[in-house]
């Protein structure tokens, strides 16, 4: 029988978010490992006015969390997620994706903190 508390991160579990129109989706990792969280912490902006570092931080989160998305080209061919494609998004979908990533990341890290502090998560 394994440990009931110490465990490896569930790196293959995902959560799918539907776009507001219901026609598309993005699939995000449900958990990150300690090492991945450390990488994110190292890239976190120390100053909210440092726009370059803020943007790099959002891109780092996108790279680590996005497993798949429903983006296709004009012929219906799947376009795999990449930073290049992420940066090429139009304003409306990019704002939705950034907001979804942010909410998911906050929910992930908030849950971890609550579990470590022994508080129930809502």
PDB file of N, CA and C in Angstrom:
ATOM      1  N   UNK A   1       0.855  -1.179   0.000  1.00  0.00           N
ATOM      2  CA  UNK A   1       0.000   0.000   0.000  1.00  0.00           C
ATOM      3  C   UNK A   1       0.901   1.243   0.000  1.00  0.00           C
ATOM      4  N   UNK A   2       0.602   2.175  -0.873  1.00  0.00           N
ATOM      5  CA  UNK A   2       1.400   3.383  -0.997  1.00  0.00           C
ATOM      6  C   UNK A   2       1.027   4.428   0.041  1.00  0.00           C
ATOM      7  N   UNK A   3       1.799   5.489   0.052  1.00  0.00           N
ATOM      8  CA  UNK A   3       1.564   6.602   0.962  1.00  0.00           C
ATOM      9  C   UNK A   3       0.225   7.267   0.644  1.00  0.00           C
ATOM     10  N   UNK A   4      -0.483   7.675   1.668  1.00  0.00           N
ATOM     11  CA  UNK A   4      -1.767   8.342   1.446  1.00  0.00           C
ATOM     12  C   UNK A   4      -1.601   9.845   1.234  1.00  0.00           C
ATOM     13  N   UNK A   5      -0.442  10.379   1.589  1.00  0.00           N
ATOM     14  CA  UNK A   5      -0.232  11.821   1.453  1.00  0.00           C
ATOM     15  C   UNK A   5       0.768  12.130   0.338  1.00  0.00           C
ATOM     16  N   UNK A   6       1.961  11.547   0.397  1.00  0.00           N
ATOM     17  CA  UNK A   6       2.981  11.811  -0.606  1.00  0.00           C
ATOM     18  C   UNK A   6       2.645  11.043  -1.884  1.00  0.00           C
ATOM     19  N   UNK A   7       2.629  11.767  -2.992  1.00  0.00           N
ATOM     20  CA  UNK A   7       2.338  11.147  -4.276  1.00  0.00           C
ATOM     21  C   UNK A   7       2.952  11.994  -5.380  1.00  0.00           C
ATOM     22  N   UNK A   8       3.080  11.383  -6.526  1.00  0.00           N
ATOM     23  CA  UNK A   8       3.554  12.120  -7.699  1.00  0.00           C
ATOM     24  C   UNK A   8       2.388  12.924  -8.280  1.00  0.00           C
ATOM     25  N   UNK A   9       2.739  14.009  -8.955  1.00  0.00           N
ATOM     26  CA  UNK A   9       1.707  14.821  -9.614  1.00  0.00           C
ATOM     27  C   UNK A   9       1.033  13.999 -10.714  1.00  0.00           C
ATOM     28  N   UNK A  10      -0.242  14.233 -10.895  1.00  0.00           N
ATOM     29  CA  UNK A  10      -1.022  13.552 -11.943  1.00  0.00           C
ATOM     30  C   UNK A  10      -0.836  14.323 -13.254  1.00  0.00           C
ATOM     31  N   UNK A  11       0.263  14.032 -13.917  1.00  0.00           N
ATOM     32  CA  UNK A  11       0.668  14.818 -15.078  1.00  0.00           C
ATOM     33  C   UNK A  11      -0.166  14.572 -16.327  1.00  0.00           C
ATOM     34  N   UNK A  12      -0.957  13.509 -16.340  1.00  0.00           N
ATOM     35  CA  UNK A  12      -1.729  13.192 -17.546  1.00  0.00           C
ATOM     36  C   UNK A  12      -3.213  13.503 -17.407  1.00  0.00           C
ATOM     37  N   UNK A  13      -3.639  13.981 -16.247  1.00  0.00           N
ATOM     38  CA  UNK A  13      -5.047  14.369 -16.074  1.00  0.00           C
ATOM     39  C   UNK A  13      -5.248  15.764 -16.645  1.00  0.00           C
ATOM     40  N   UNK A  14      -6.387  15.948 -17.308  1.00  0.00           N
ATOM     41  CA  UNK A  14      -6.667  17.237 -17.947  1.00  0.00           C
ATOM     42  C   UNK A  14      -8.077  17.715 -17.616  1.00  0.00           C
ATOM     43  N   UNK A  15      -8.287  18.996 -17.890  1.00  0.00           N
ATOM     44  CA  UNK A  15      -9.590  19.632 -17.743  1.00  0.00           C
ATOM     45  C   UNK A  15      -9.872  20.339 -19.066  1.00  0.00           C
ATOM     46  N   UNK A  16     -11.077  20.168 -19.584  1.00  0.00           N
ATOM     47  CA  UNK A  16     -11.445  20.801 -20.854  1.00  0.00           C
ATOM     48  C   UNK A  16     -12.366  21.988 -20.588  1.00  0.00           C
ATOM     49  N   UNK A  17     -12.063  23.112 -21.233  1.00  0.00           N
ATOM     50  CA  UNK A  17     -12.880  24.316 -21.150  1.00  0.00           C
ATOM     51  C   UNK A  17     -13.459  24.614 -22.528  1.00  0.00           C
ATOM     52  N   UNK A  18     -14.772  24.801 -22.586  1.00  0.00           N
ATOM     53  CA  UNK A  18     -15.455  25.145 -23.836  1.00  0.00           C
ATOM     54  C   UNK A  18     -15.413  26.661 -24.022  1.00  0.00           C
ATOM     55  N   UNK A  19     -15.280  27.091 -25.277  1.00  0.00           N
ATOM     56  CA  UNK A  19     -15.305  28.520 -25.577  1.00  0.00           C
ATOM     57  C   UNK A  19     -16.725  29.047 -25.386  1.00  0.00           C
ATOM     58  N   UNK A  20     -16.899  30.360 -25.244  1.00  0.00           N
ATOM     59  CA  UNK A  20     -18.229  30.925 -25.004  1.00  0.00           C
ATOM     60  C   UNK A  20     -19.272  30.526 -26.055  1.00  0.00           C
ATOM     61  N   UNK A  21     -18.851  30.352 -27.318  1.00  0.00           N
ATOM     62  CA  UNK A  21     -19.813  29.967 -28.358  1.00  0.00           C
ATOM     63  C   UNK A  21     -20.053  28.460 -28.400  1.00  0.00           C
ATOM     64  N   UNK A  22     -19.301  27.709 -27.603  1.00  0.00           N
ATOM     65  CA  UNK A  22     -19.469  26.268 -27.537  1.00  0.00           C
ATOM     66  C   UNK A  22     -18.900  25.510 -28.723  1.00  0.00           C
ATOM     67  N   UNK A  23     -18.286  26.211 -29.653  1.00  0.00           N
ATOM     68  CA  UNK A  23     -17.777  25.566 -30.852  1.00  0.00           C
ATOM     69  C   UNK A  23     -16.344  25.085 -30.757  1.00  0.00           C
ATOM     70  N   UNK A  24     -15.623  25.572 -29.785  1.00  0.00           N
ATOM     71  CA  UNK A  24     -14.213  25.213 -29.639  1.00  0.00           C
ATOM     72  C   UNK A  24     -13.910  24.921 -28.183  1.00  0.00           C
ATOM     73  N   UNK A  25     -12.686  24.472 -27.933  1.00  0.00           N
ATOM     74  CA  UNK A  25     -12.281  24.103 -26.573  1.00  0.00           C
ATOM     75  C   UNK A  25     -10.773  24.188 -26.436  1.00  0.00           C
ATOM     76  N   UNK A  26     -10.337  24.196 -25.182  1.00  0.00           N
ATOM     77  CA  UNK A  26      -8.919  24.076 -24.847  1.00  0.00           C
ATOM     78  C   UNK A  26      -8.826  23.059 -23.707  1.00  0.00           C
ATOM     79  N   UNK A  27      -7.810  22.232 -23.764  1.00  0.00           N
ATOM     80  CA  UNK A  27      -7.595  21.210 -22.741  1.00  0.00           C
ATOM     81  C   UNK A  27      -6.338  21.573 -21.958  1.00  0.00           C
ATOM     82  N   UNK A  28      -6.502  21.708 -20.635  1.00  0.00           N
ATOM     83  CA  UNK A  28      -5.406  22.117 -19.760  1.00  0.00           C
ATOM     84  C   UNK A  28      -5.043  21.010 -18.782  1.00  0.00           C
ATOM     85  N   UNK A  29      -3.793  20.969 -18.413  1.00  0.00           N
ATOM     86  CA  UNK A  29      -3.360  20.000 -17.412  1.00  0.00           C
ATOM     87  C   UNK A  29      -4.022  20.306 -16.080  1.00  0.00           C
ATOM     88  N   UNK A  30      -4.420  19.258 -15.378  1.00  0.00           N
ATOM     89  CA  UNK A  30      -5.099  19.420 -14.097  1.00  0.00           C
ATOM     90  C   UNK A  30      -4.115  19.708 -12.970  1.00  0.00           C
ATOM     91  N   UNK A  31      -2.884  19.223 -13.099  1.00  0.00           N
ATOM     92  CA  UNK A  31      -1.868  19.438 -12.070  1.00  0.00           C
ATOM     93  C   UNK A  31      -0.510  19.672 -12.710  1.00  0.00           C
ATOM     94  N   UNK A  32       0.332  20.351 -11.968  1.00  0.00           N
ATOM     95  CA  UNK A  32       1.731  20.523 -12.351  1.00  0.00           C
ATOM     96  C   UNK A  32       2.594  19.913 -11.251  1.00  0.00           C
ATOM     97  N   UNK A  33       3.772  19.481 -11.616  1.00  0.00           N
ATOM     98  CA  UNK A  33       4.699  18.930 -10.624  1.00  0.00           C
ATOM     99  C   UNK A  33       5.382  20.062  -9.856  1.00  0.00           C
ATOM    100  N   UNK A  34       6.044  19.713  -8.795  1.00  0.00           N
ATOM    101  CA  UNK A  34       6.803  20.677  -8.003  1.00  0.00           C
ATOM    102  C   UNK A  34       7.843  21.378  -8.872  1.00  0.00           C
ATOM    103  N   UNK A  35       8.528  20.618  -9.716  1.00  0.00           N
ATOM    104  CA  UNK A  35       9.534  21.201 -10.598  1.00  0.00           C
ATOM    105  C   UNK A  35       8.944  22.211 -11.565  1.00  0.00           C
ATOM    106  N   UNK A  36       7.775  21.891 -12.106  1.00  0.00           N
ATOM    107  CA  UNK A  36       7.113  22.816 -13.026  1.00  0.00           C
ATOM    108  C   UNK A  36       6.632  24.064 -12.297  1.00  0.00           C
ATOM    109  N   UNK A  37       6.129  23.889 -11.084  1.00  0.00           N
ATOM    110  CA  UNK A  37       5.701  25.050 -10.297  1.00  0.00           C
ATOM    111  C   UNK A  37       6.905  25.943  -9.979  1.00  0.00           C
ATOM    112  N   UNK A  38       8.055  25.329  -9.724  1.00  0.00           N
ATOM    113  CA  UNK A  38       9.272  26.105  -9.475  1.00  0.00           C
ATOM    114  C   UNK A  38       9.643  26.935 -10.695  1.00  0.00           C
ATOM    115  N   UNK A  39       9.534  26.342 -11.888  1.00  0.00           N
ATOM    116  CA  UNK A  39       9.846  27.078 -13.119  1.00  0.00           C
ATOM    117  C   UNK A  39       8.919  28.278 -13.283  1.00  0.00           C
ATOM    118  N   UNK A  40       7.647  28.084 -12.967  1.00  0.00           N
ATOM    119  CA  UNK A  40       6.696  29.188 -13.060  1.00  0.00           C
ATOM    120  C   UNK A  40       7.044  30.263 -12.042  1.00  0.00           C
ATOM    121  N   UNK A  41       7.377  29.855 -10.826  1.00  0.00           N
ATOM    122  CA  UNK A  41       7.725  30.829  -9.781  1.00  0.00           C
ATOM    123  C   UNK A  41       8.936  31.655 -10.195  1.00  0.00           C
ATOM    124  N   UNK A  42       9.918  31.037 -10.825  1.00  0.00           N
ATOM    125  CA  UNK A  42      11.112  31.761 -11.263  1.00  0.00           C
ATOM    126  C   UNK A  42      10.803  32.790 -12.344  1.00  0.00           C
ATOM    127  N   UNK A  43       9.771  32.521 -13.147  1.00  0.00           N
ATOM    128  CA  UNK A  43       9.430  33.465 -14.215  1.00  0.00           C
ATOM    129  C   UNK A  43       8.367  34.478 -13.783  1.00  0.00           C
ATOM    130  N   UNK A  44       7.865  34.338 -12.560  1.00  0.00           N
ATOM    131  CA  UNK A  44       6.807  35.240 -12.091  1.00  0.00           C
ATOM    132  C   UNK A  44       7.311  36.675 -11.998  1.00  0.00           C
ATOM    133  N   UNK A  45       6.488  37.611 -12.432  1.00  0.00           N
ATOM    134  CA  UNK A  45       6.884  39.021 -12.348  1.00  0.00           C
ATOM    135  C   UNK A  45       6.983  39.476 -10.894  1.00  0.00           C
ATOM    136  N   UNK A  46       7.974  40.249 -10.621  1.00  0.00           N
ATOM    137  CA  UNK A  46       8.164  40.797  -9.270  1.00  0.00           C
ATOM    138  C   UNK A  46       7.527  42.173  -9.136  1.00  0.00           C
ATOM    139  N   UNK A  47       7.195  42.727 -10.292  1.00  0.00           N
ATOM    140  CA  UNK A  47       6.677  44.086 -10.351  1.00  0.00           C
ATOM    141  C   UNK A  47       5.569  44.095 -11.400  1.00  0.00           C
ATOM    142  N   UNK A  48       4.388  44.494 -11.012  1.00  0.00           N
ATOM    143  CA  UNK A  48       3.251  44.455 -11.935  1.00  0.00           C
ATOM    144  C   UNK A  48       3.419  45.411 -13.115  1.00  0.00           C
ATOM    145  N   UNK A  49       4.363  46.332 -13.026  1.00  0.00           N
ATOM    146  CA  UNK A  49       4.578  47.279 -14.119  1.00  0.00           C
ATOM    147  C   UNK A  49       5.577  46.757 -15.151  1.00  0.00           C
ATOM    148  N   UNK A  50       6.201  45.615 -14.900  1.00  0.00           N
ATOM    149  CA  UNK A  50       7.162  45.031 -15.823  1.00  0.00           C
ATOM    150  C   UNK A  50       6.391  44.225 -16.868  1.00  0.00           C
ATOM    151  N   UNK A  51       5.901  44.911 -17.904  1.00  0.00           N
ATOM    152  CA  UNK A  51       5.028  44.299 -18.896  1.00  0.00           C
ATOM    153  C   UNK A  51       5.697  43.140 -19.631  1.00  0.00           C
ATOM    154  N   UNK A  52       6.964  43.282 -19.960  1.00  0.00           N
ATOM    155  CA  UNK A  52       7.671  42.214 -20.683  1.00  0.00           C
ATOM    156  C   UNK A  52       7.707  40.931 -19.858  1.00  0.00           C
ATOM    157  N   UNK A  53       7.991  41.064 -18.584  1.00  0.00           N
ATOM    158  CA  UNK A  53       8.035  39.882 -17.713  1.00  0.00           C
ATOM    159  C   UNK A  53       6.631  39.317 -17.474  1.00  0.00           C
ATOM    160  N   UNK A  54       5.625  40.197 -17.377  1.00  0.00           N
ATOM    161  CA  UNK A  54       4.237  39.741 -17.230  1.00  0.00           C
ATOM    162  C   UNK A  54       3.813  38.895 -18.426  1.00  0.00           C
ATOM    163  N   UNK A  55       4.126  39.364 -19.635  1.00  0.00           N
ATOM    164  CA  UNK A  55       3.753  38.635 -20.843  1.00  0.00           C
ATOM    165  C   UNK A  55       4.505  37.305 -20.937  1.00  0.00           C
ATOM    166  N   UNK A  56       5.778  37.300 -20.583  1.00  0.00           N
ATOM    167  CA  UNK A  56       6.565  36.059 -20.591  1.00  0.00           C
ATOM    168  C   UNK A  56       5.998  35.056 -19.590  1.00  0.00           C
ATOM    169  N   UNK A  57       5.515  35.562 -18.454  1.00  0.00           N
ATOM    170  CA  UNK A  57       4.923  34.708 -17.423  1.00  0.00           C
ATOM    171  C   UNK A  57       3.653  34.031 -17.952  1.00  0.00           C
ATOM    172  N   UNK A  58       2.795  34.793 -18.614  1.00  0.00           N
ATOM    173  CA  UNK A  58       1.560  34.239 -19.181  1.00  0.00           C
ATOM    174  C   UNK A  58       1.900  33.180 -20.232  1.00  0.00           C
ATOM    175  N   UNK A  59       2.900  33.455 -21.062  1.00  0.00           N
ATOM    176  CA  UNK A  59       3.297  32.482 -22.077  1.00  0.00           C
ATOM    177  C   UNK A  59       3.873  31.214 -21.447  1.00  0.00           C
ATOM    178  N   UNK A  60       4.599  31.358 -20.356  1.00  0.00           N
ATOM    179  CA  UNK A  60       5.155  30.190 -19.656  1.00  0.00           C
ATOM    180  C   UNK A  60       4.031  29.316 -19.101  1.00  0.00           C
ATOM    181  N   UNK A  61       3.017  29.957 -18.541  1.00  0.00           N
ATOM    182  CA  UNK A  61       1.862  29.210 -18.033  1.00  0.00           C
ATOM    183  C   UNK A  61       1.155  28.501 -19.185  1.00  0.00           C
ATOM    184  N   UNK A  62       0.988  29.190 -20.304  1.00  0.00           N
ATOM    185  CA  UNK A  62       0.338  28.580 -21.471  1.00  0.00           C
ATOM    186  C   UNK A  62       1.120  27.357 -21.940  1.00  0.00           C
ATOM    187  N   UNK A  63       2.435  27.475 -22.031  1.00  0.00           N
ATOM    188  CA  UNK A  63       3.272  26.349 -22.468  1.00  0.00           C
ATOM    189  C   UNK A  63       3.130  25.137 -21.557  1.00  0.00           C
ATOM    190  N   UNK A  64       3.070  25.371 -20.271  1.00  0.00           N
ATOM    191  CA  UNK A  64       2.997  24.266 -19.317  1.00  0.00           C
ATOM    192  C   UNK A  64       1.601  23.666 -19.195  1.00  0.00           C
ATOM    193  N   UNK A  65       0.570  24.489 -19.343  1.00  0.00           N
ATOM    194  CA  UNK A  65      -0.784  24.011 -19.088  1.00  0.00           C
ATOM    195  C   UNK A  65      -1.531  23.496 -20.311  1.00  0.00           C
ATOM    196  N   UNK A  66      -1.342  24.103 -21.472  1.00  0.00           N
ATOM    197  CA  UNK A  66      -2.151  23.726 -22.633  1.00  0.00           C
ATOM    198  C   UNK A  66      -1.656  22.397 -23.206  1.00  0.00           C
ATOM    199  N   UNK A  67      -2.550  21.427 -23.197  1.00  0.00           N
ATOM    200  CA  UNK A  67      -2.273  20.098 -23.727  1.00  0.00           C
ATOM    201  C   UNK A  67      -2.752  20.010 -25.170  1.00  0.00           C
ATOM    202  N   UNK A  68      -3.913  20.597 -25.437  1.00  0.00           N
ATOM    203  CA  UNK A  68      -4.510  20.512 -26.770  1.00  0.00           C
ATOM    204  C   UNK A  68      -5.548  21.618 -26.908  1.00  0.00           C
ATOM    205  N   UNK A  69      -5.903  21.908 -28.152  1.00  0.00           N
ATOM    206  CA  UNK A  69      -6.987  22.841 -28.425  1.00  0.00           C
ATOM    207  C   UNK A  69      -7.631  22.458 -29.747  1.00  0.00           C
ATOM    208  N   UNK A  70      -8.760  23.040 -30.025  1.00  0.00           N
ATOM    209  CA  UNK A  70      -9.534  22.646 -31.201  1.00  0.00           C
ATOM    210  C   UNK A  70      -9.231  23.491 -32.434  1.00  0.00           C
ATOM    211  N   UNK A  71      -8.181  24.259 -32.425  1.00  0.00           N
ATOM    212  CA  UNK A  71      -7.874  25.158 -33.538  1.00  0.00           C
ATOM    213  C   UNK A  71      -7.571  24.374 -34.817  1.00  0.00           C
ATOM    214  N   UNK A  72      -8.201  24.817 -35.910  1.00  0.00           N
ATOM    215  CA  UNK A  72      -7.976  24.213 -37.223  1.00  0.00           C
ATOM    216  C   UNK A  72      -7.756  25.316 -38.253  1.00  0.00           C
ATOM    217  N   UNK A  73      -7.173  24.937 -39.377  1.00  0.00           N
ATOM    218  CA  UNK A  73      -6.998  25.909 -40.461  1.00  0.00           C
ATOM    219  C   UNK A  73      -8.258  25.942 -41.332  1.00  0.00           C
ATOM    220  N   UNK A  74      -8.211  26.709 -42.408  1.00  0.00           N
ATOM    221  CA  UNK A  74      -9.368  26.899 -43.278  1.00  0.00           C
ATOM    222  C   UNK A  74      -9.854  25.590 -43.913  1.00  0.00           C
ATOM    223  N   UNK A  75      -8.957  24.613 -44.029  1.00  0.00           N
ATOM    224  CA  UNK A  75      -9.306  23.322 -44.634  1.00  0.00           C
ATOM    225  C   UNK A  75      -9.715  22.283 -43.584  1.00  0.00           C
ATOM    226  N   UNK A  76      -9.790  22.696 -42.324  1.00  0.00           N
ATOM    227  CA  UNK A  76     -10.187  21.776 -41.267  1.00  0.00           C
ATOM    228  C   UNK A  76      -9.051  20.951 -40.690  1.00  0.00           C
ATOM    229  N   UNK A  77      -7.816  21.249 -41.072  1.00  0.00           N
ATOM    230  CA  UNK A  77      -6.661  20.527 -40.537  1.00  0.00           C
ATOM    231  C   UNK A  77      -6.311  21.058 -39.144  1.00  0.00           C
ATOM    232  N   UNK A  78      -6.044  20.140 -38.234  1.00  0.00           N
ATOM    233  CA  UNK A  78      -5.723  20.513 -36.859  1.00  0.00           C
ATOM    234  C   UNK A  78      -4.422  21.301 -36.805  1.00  0.00           C
ATOM    235  N   UNK A  79      -4.434  22.372 -36.014  1.00  0.00           N
ATOM    236  CA  UNK A  79      -3.238  23.172 -35.772  1.00  0.00           C
ATOM    237  C   UNK A  79      -2.815  22.907 -34.336  1.00  0.00           C
ATOM    238  N   UNK A  80      -1.687  22.226 -34.135  1.00  0.00           N
ATOM    239  CA  UNK A  80      -1.238  21.952 -32.769  1.00  0.00           C
ATOM    240  C   UNK A  80      -0.896  23.248 -32.036  1.00  0.00           C
ATOM    241  N   UNK A  81      -1.059  23.226 -30.704  1.00  0.00           N
ATOM    242  CA  UNK A  81      -0.709  24.404 -29.917  1.00  0.00           C
ATOM    243  C   UNK A  81       0.789  24.649 -30.014  1.00  0.00           C
ATOM    244  N   UNK A  82       1.143  25.909 -30.162  1.00  0.00           N
ATOM    245  CA  UNK A  82       2.538  26.368 -30.092  1.00  0.00           C
ATOM    246  C   UNK A  82       2.500  27.825 -29.659  1.00  0.00           C
ATOM    247  N   UNK A  83       3.610  28.307 -29.165  1.00  0.00           N
ATOM    248  CA  UNK A  83       3.654  29.733 -28.801  1.00  0.00           C
ATOM    249  C   UNK A  83       3.447  30.610 -30.027  1.00  0.00           C
ATOM    250  N   UNK A  84       3.942  30.173 -31.162  1.00  0.00           N
ATOM    251  CA  UNK A  84       3.756  30.939 -32.396  1.00  0.00           C
ATOM    252  C   UNK A  84       2.266  31.091 -32.717  1.00  0.00           C
ATOM    253  N   UNK A  85       1.504  30.000 -32.623  1.00  0.00           N
ATOM    254  CA  UNK A  85       0.066  30.061 -32.889  1.00  0.00           C
ATOM    255  C   UNK A  85      -0.655  30.858 -31.804  1.00  0.00           C
ATOM    256  N   UNK A  86      -0.235  30.697 -30.574  1.00  0.00           N
ATOM    257  CA  UNK A  86      -0.813  31.432 -29.441  1.00  0.00           C
ATOM    258  C   UNK A  86      -0.645  32.935 -29.655  1.00  0.00           C
ATOM    259  N   UNK A  87       0.536  33.332 -30.070  1.00  0.00           N
ATOM    260  CA  UNK A  87       0.814  34.765 -30.304  1.00  0.00           C
ATOM    261  C   UNK A  87       0.076  35.311 -31.520  1.00  0.00           C
ATOM    262  N   UNK A  88      -0.338  34.433 -32.427  1.00  0.00           N
ATOM    263  CA  UNK A  88      -1.027  34.860 -33.652  1.00  0.00           C
ATOM    264  C   UNK A  88      -2.541  34.951 -33.483  1.00  0.00           C
ATOM    265  N   UNK A  89      -3.068  34.591 -32.307  1.00  0.00           N
ATOM    266  CA  UNK A  89      -4.514  34.636 -32.086  1.00  0.00           C
ATOM    267  C   UNK A  89      -5.061  36.054 -32.209  1.00  0.00           C
ATOM    268  N   UNK A  90      -6.294  36.151 -32.659  1.00  0.00           N
ATOM    269  CA  UNK A  90      -7.004  37.434 -32.708  1.00  0.00           C
ATOM    270  C   UNK A  90      -7.310  37.879 -31.278  1.00  0.00           C
ATOM    271  N   UNK A  91      -7.648  39.155 -31.072  1.00  0.00           N
ATOM    272  CA  UNK A  91      -7.856  39.671 -29.711  1.00  0.00           C
ATOM    273  C   UNK A  91      -8.910  38.927 -28.879  1.00  0.00           C
ATOM    274  N   UNK A  92     -10.095  38.675 -29.431  1.00  0.00           N
ATOM    275  CA  UNK A  92     -11.155  38.057 -28.622  1.00  0.00           C
ATOM    276  C   UNK A  92     -10.777  36.662 -28.121  1.00  0.00           C
ATOM    277  N   UNK A  93     -10.325  35.751 -29.005  1.00  0.00           N
ATOM    278  CA  UNK A  93      -9.949  34.435 -28.489  1.00  0.00           C
ATOM    279  C   UNK A  93      -8.731  34.475 -27.573  1.00  0.00           C
ATOM    280  N   UNK A  94      -7.800  35.380 -27.829  1.00  0.00           N
ATOM    281  CA  UNK A  94      -6.618  35.437 -26.964  1.00  0.00           C
ATOM    282  C   UNK A  94      -6.996  35.944 -25.566  1.00  0.00           C
ATOM    283  N   UNK A  95      -7.925  36.892 -25.493  1.00  0.00           N
ATOM    284  CA  UNK A  95      -8.377  37.372 -24.177  1.00  0.00           C
ATOM    285  C   UNK A  95      -9.107  36.274 -23.423  1.00  0.00           C
ATOM    286  N   UNK A  96      -9.950  35.507 -24.131  1.00  0.00           N
ATOM    287  CA  UNK A  96     -10.664  34.403 -23.487  1.00  0.00           C
ATOM    288  C   UNK A  96      -9.669  33.356 -22.993  1.00  0.00           C
ATOM    289  N   UNK A  97      -8.688  33.012 -23.835  1.00  0.00           N
ATOM    290  CA  UNK A  97      -7.711  31.991 -23.458  1.00  0.00           C
ATOM    291  C   UNK A  97      -6.865  32.450 -22.279  1.00  0.00           C
ATOM    292  N   UNK A  98      -6.399  33.697 -22.298  1.00  0.00           N
ATOM    293  CA  UNK A  98      -5.610  34.219 -21.177  1.00  0.00           C
ATOM    294  C   UNK A  98      -6.407  34.217 -19.880  1.00  0.00           C
ATOM    295  N   UNK A  99      -7.670  34.600 -19.957  1.00  0.00           N
ATOM    296  CA  UNK A  99      -8.533  34.609 -18.783  1.00  0.00           C
ATOM    297  C   UNK A  99      -8.755  33.183 -18.265  1.00  0.00           C
ATOM    298  N   UNK A 100      -8.993  32.248 -19.164  1.00  0.00           N
ATOM    299  CA  UNK A 100      -9.199  30.852 -18.783  1.00  0.00           C
ATOM    300  C   UNK A 100      -7.943  30.281 -18.137  1.00  0.00           C
ATOM    301  N   UNK A 101      -6.781  30.549 -18.734  1.00  0.00           N
ATOM    302  CA  UNK A 101      -5.513  30.089 -18.161  1.00  0.00           C
ATOM    303  C   UNK A 101      -5.309  30.660 -16.760  1.00  0.00           C
ATOM    304  N   UNK A 102      -5.573  31.942 -16.619  1.00  0.00           N
ATOM    305  CA  UNK A 102      -5.389  32.605 -15.328  1.00  0.00           C
ATOM    306  C   UNK A 102      -6.304  32.010 -14.266  1.00  0.00           C
ATOM    307  N   UNK A 103      -7.581  31.859 -14.586  1.00  0.00           N
ATOM    308  CA  UNK A 103      -8.532  31.301 -13.624  1.00  0.00           C
ATOM    309  C   UNK A 103      -8.173  29.864 -13.258  1.00  0.00           C
ATOM    310  N   UNK A 104      -7.768  29.084 -14.237  1.00  0.00           N
ATOM    311  CA  UNK A 104      -7.388  27.692 -13.997  1.00  0.00           C
ATOM    312  C   UNK A 104      -6.143  27.628 -13.105  1.00  0.00           C
ATOM    313  N   UNK A 105      -5.162  28.461 -13.415  1.00  0.00           N
ATOM    314  CA  UNK A 105      -3.913  28.474 -12.640  1.00  0.00           C
ATOM    315  C   UNK A 105      -4.179  28.892 -11.195  1.00  0.00           C
ATOM    316  N   UNK A 106      -4.982  29.923 -11.002  1.00  0.00           N
ATOM    317  CA  UNK A 106      -5.319  30.378  -9.645  1.00  0.00           C
ATOM    318  C   UNK A 106      -6.079  29.280  -8.900  1.00  0.00           C
ATOM    319  N   UNK A 107      -7.006  28.621  -9.575  1.00  0.00           N
ATOM    320  CA  UNK A 107      -7.748  27.528  -8.938  1.00  0.00           C
ATOM    321  C   UNK A 107      -6.807  26.386  -8.554  1.00  0.00           C
ATOM    322  N   UNK A 108      -5.853  26.057  -9.424  1.00  0.00           N
ATOM    323  CA  UNK A 108      -4.882  24.992  -9.134  1.00  0.00           C
ATOM    324  C   UNK A 108      -4.018  25.338  -7.938  1.00  0.00           C
ATOM    325  N   UNK A 109      -3.442  26.521  -7.957  1.00  0.00           N
ATOM    326  CA  UNK A 109      -2.506  26.893  -6.893  1.00  0.00           C
ATOM    327  C   UNK A 109      -3.240  27.193  -5.595  1.00  0.00           C
ATOM    328  N   UNK A 110      -4.440  27.740  -5.675  1.00  0.00           N
ATOM    329  CA  UNK A 110      -5.226  27.987  -4.468  1.00  0.00           C
ATOM    330  C   UNK A 110      -5.606  26.699  -3.781  1.00  0.00           C
ATOM    331  N   UNK A 111      -5.960  25.685  -4.571  1.00  0.00           N
ATOM    332  CA  UNK A 111      -6.325  24.382  -4.019  1.00  0.00           C
ATOM    333  C   UNK A 111      -5.129  23.769  -3.301  1.00  0.00           C
ATOM    334  N   UNK A 112      -3.951  23.866  -3.907  1.00  0.00           N
ATOM    335  CA  UNK A 112      -2.741  23.312  -3.291  1.00  0.00           C
ATOM    336  C   UNK A 112      -2.462  23.995  -1.960  1.00  0.00           C
ATOM    337  N   UNK A 113      -2.547  25.323  -1.935  1.00  0.00           N
ATOM    338  CA  UNK A 113      -2.291  26.057  -0.700  1.00  0.00           C
ATOM    339  C   UNK A 113      -3.301  25.664   0.382  1.00  0.00           C
ATOM    340  N   UNK A 114      -4.585  25.577   0.001  1.00  0.00           N
ATOM    341  CA  UNK A 114      -5.611  25.195   0.981  1.00  0.00           C
ATOM    342  C   UNK A 114      -5.378  23.795   1.514  1.00  0.00           C
ATOM    343  N   UNK A 115      -4.966  22.867   0.638  1.00  0.00           N
ATOM    344  CA  UNK A 115      -4.711  21.505   1.100  1.00  0.00           C
ATOM    345  C   UNK A 115      -3.536  21.474   2.068  1.00  0.00           C
ATOM    346  N   UNK A 116      -2.493  22.241   1.778  1.00  0.00           N
ATOM    347  CA  UNK A 116      -1.333  22.268   2.661  1.00  0.00           C
ATOM    348  C   UNK A 116      -1.669  22.915   4.009  1.00  0.00           C
ATOM    349  N   UNK A 117      -2.566  23.889   3.975  1.00  0.00           N
ATOM    350  CA  UNK A 117      -2.962  24.554   5.214  1.00  0.00           C
ATOM    351  C   UNK A 117      -4.079  23.816   5.937  1.00  0.00           C
ATOM    352  N   UNK A 118      -4.596  22.771   5.329  1.00  0.00           N
ATOM    353  CA  UNK A 118      -5.668  22.002   5.958  1.00  0.00           C
ATOM    354  C   UNK A 118      -7.026  22.646   5.876  1.00  0.00           C
ATOM    355  N   UNK A 119      -7.190  23.576   4.924  1.00  0.00           N
ATOM    356  CA  UNK A 119      -8.480  24.264   4.761  1.00  0.00           C
ATOM    357  C   UNK A 119      -9.280  23.557   3.679  1.00  0.00           C
ATOM    358  N   UNK A 120     -10.591  23.496   3.818  1.00  0.00           N
ATOM    359  CA  UNK A 120     -11.400  22.885   2.764  1.00  0.00           C
ATOM    360  C   UNK A 120     -11.410  23.766   1.525  1.00  0.00           C
ATOM    361  N   UNK A 121     -11.305  23.147   0.355  1.00  0.00           N
ATOM    362  CA  UNK A 121     -11.402  23.935  -0.881  1.00  0.00           C
ATOM    363  C   UNK A 121     -12.852  23.978  -1.308  1.00  0.00           C
ATOM    364  N   UNK A 122     -13.230  25.098  -1.934  1.00  0.00           N
ATOM    365  CA  UNK A 122     -14.637  25.238  -2.346  1.00  0.00           C
ATOM    366  C   UNK A 122     -14.805  24.968  -3.799  1.00  0.00           C
TER     367      UNK A 122
END
